[in-house]
Amino acid sequence: MDKLIKKISSYPNGTSLLIEFLNGLRIKGKLDTIYETDNGLEMDEEGYLEYYACTVEIDTIINHPQEMDNYIKKGNLIEVSSQNEILSVSLDDGTVIWSTRKNN
């Protein structure tokens, strides 16, 4: 389990999270499920990768890049993992629990 999912997994399902992505997407949602998945390649294919991810149910869309209009909607589940370009994950009270920014 990578550092991002390990940190998120220390909180119970239903925890409210604010997630900021590198592409500008910012959402607030509830932690739903943590699971092991892969990148869709066959196990014997070069580049095959297994990793942990979590789903977050979107409660609020704070910033919504236009290119994501078709699939980012309130109530939908979004996968969060080390395969996404995540800038930070925070709790409701502003506590940053994971960040790629320096000095955090």
Protein backbone atom coordinates (compact mmCIF):
# COMPACT_ATOMS: atom_id res chain seq x y z
CA MET A 1 0.00 0.00 0.00
CA ASP A 2 1.49 3.37 -0.99
CA LYS A 3 1.75 6.38 1.35
CA LEU A 4 -1.37 8.14 -0.02
CA ILE A 5 -3.74 5.20 0.48
CA LYS A 6 -2.09 4.18 3.74
CA LYS A 7 -2.79 7.66 5.14
CA ILE A 8 -6.38 7.72 3.83
CA SER A 9 -7.01 4.20 5.19
CA SER A 10 -6.39 5.43 8.73
CA TYR A 11 -9.80 7.19 8.53
CA PRO A 12 -13.17 5.41 8.59
CA ASN A 13 -15.54 5.16 5.63
CA GLY A 14 -17.75 8.24 5.52
CA THR A 15 -14.93 10.62 6.48
CA SER A 16 -15.27 13.91 4.60
CA LEU A 17 -12.22 14.70 2.46
CA LEU A 18 -11.20 17.69 0.35
CA ILE A 19 -9.13 16.45 -2.59
CA GLU A 20 -7.11 18.65 -4.95
CA PHE A 21 -5.87 17.24 -8.25
CA LEU A 22 -3.01 18.58 -10.37
CA ASN A 23 -5.40 19.30 -13.27
CA GLY A 24 -7.31 21.83 -11.12
CA LEU A 25 -10.19 19.60 -10.02
CA ARG A 26 -11.11 20.20 -6.38
CA ILE A 27 -13.82 18.14 -4.74
CA LYS A 28 -15.24 17.50 -1.33
CA GLY A 29 -16.58 14.03 -0.74
CA LYS A 30 -16.98 11.08 1.57
CA LEU A 31 -14.53 8.19 1.72
CA ASP A 32 -16.34 5.12 0.43
CA THR A 33 -14.17 2.03 -0.21
CA ILE A 34 -10.48 1.09 -0.29
CA TYR A 35 -9.53 -1.75 -2.60
CA GLU A 36 -6.76 -3.34 -4.65
CA THR A 37 -6.97 -2.87 -8.42
CA ASP A 38 -4.79 -2.82 -11.53
CA ASN A 39 -4.19 -0.68 -14.60
CA GLY A 40 -6.28 -2.85 -16.91
CA LEU A 41 -3.44 -4.72 -18.58
CA GLU A 42 -3.13 -8.49 -18.48
CA MET A 43 -0.82 -9.82 -15.75
CA ASP A 44 1.71 -11.06 -18.31
CA GLU A 45 1.78 -7.77 -20.28
CA GLU A 46 4.67 -5.36 -19.90
CA GLY A 47 3.64 -2.40 -17.77
CA TYR A 48 1.08 -4.34 -15.73
CA LEU A 49 0.63 -2.69 -12.33
CA GLU A 50 -1.35 -3.57 -9.21
CA TYR A 51 -2.08 -0.80 -6.73
CA TYR A 52 -4.47 0.27 -3.99
CA ALA A 53 -7.13 2.90 -4.59
CA CYS A 54 -10.15 4.33 -2.86
CA THR A 55 -13.44 5.68 -4.05
CA VAL A 56 -14.83 8.96 -2.82
CA GLU A 57 -18.48 9.94 -3.29
CA ILE A 58 -18.54 13.52 -4.58
CA ASP A 59 -20.55 15.88 -2.34
CA THR A 60 -19.34 19.23 -3.69
CA ILE A 61 -17.37 20.26 -6.76
CA ILE A 62 -15.27 23.27 -5.77
CA ASN A 63 -13.34 23.65 -9.03
CA HIS A 64 -14.26 21.76 -12.17
CA PRO A 65 -11.93 21.74 -15.21
CA GLN A 66 -14.00 22.05 -18.37
CA GLU A 67 -12.51 18.91 -19.97
CA MET A 68 -14.08 16.85 -17.16
CA ASP A 69 -17.66 18.06 -17.69
CA ASN A 70 -18.91 14.67 -18.86
CA TYR A 71 -18.10 12.57 -15.82
CA ILE A 72 -17.50 14.68 -12.71
CA LYS A 73 -20.90 15.13 -11.10
CA LYS A 74 -22.23 15.39 -7.55
CA GLY A 75 -23.14 11.94 -6.21
CA ASN A 76 -20.72 10.08 -8.52
CA LEU A 77 -17.84 8.01 -7.21
CA ILE A 78 -14.32 9.01 -8.18
CA GLU A 79 -11.24 6.84 -7.83
CA VAL A 80 -8.34 8.28 -5.87
CA SER A 81 -4.94 6.60 -6.05
CA SER A 82 -1.26 7.16 -6.66
CA GLN A 83 -2.14 6.79 -10.36
CA ASN A 84 -4.01 10.12 -10.20
CA GLU A 85 -2.08 13.33 -9.96
CA ILE A 86 -3.18 14.35 -6.46
CA LEU A 87 -1.84 17.58 -4.94
CA SER A 88 -3.39 17.23 -1.51
CA VAL A 89 -5.98 15.54 0.67
CA SER A 90 -7.41 17.41 3.67
CA LEU A 91 -10.00 16.87 6.37
CA ASP A 92 -12.99 19.19 6.93
CA ASP A 93 -11.10 21.12 9.61
CA GLY A 94 -8.32 21.97 7.12
CA THR A 95 -5.83 19.40 8.41
CA VAL A 96 -3.71 18.26 5.46
CA ILE A 97 -3.31 14.49 5.68
CA TRP A 98 -1.35 14.07 2.44
CA SER A 99 0.33 16.51 0.04
CA THR A 100 2.91 16.65 -2.73
CA ARG A 101 3.60 20.30 -1.95
CA LYS A 102 6.81 21.20 -0.15
CA ASN A 103 6.57 22.27 3.50
CA ASN A 104 3.47 20.10 4.12
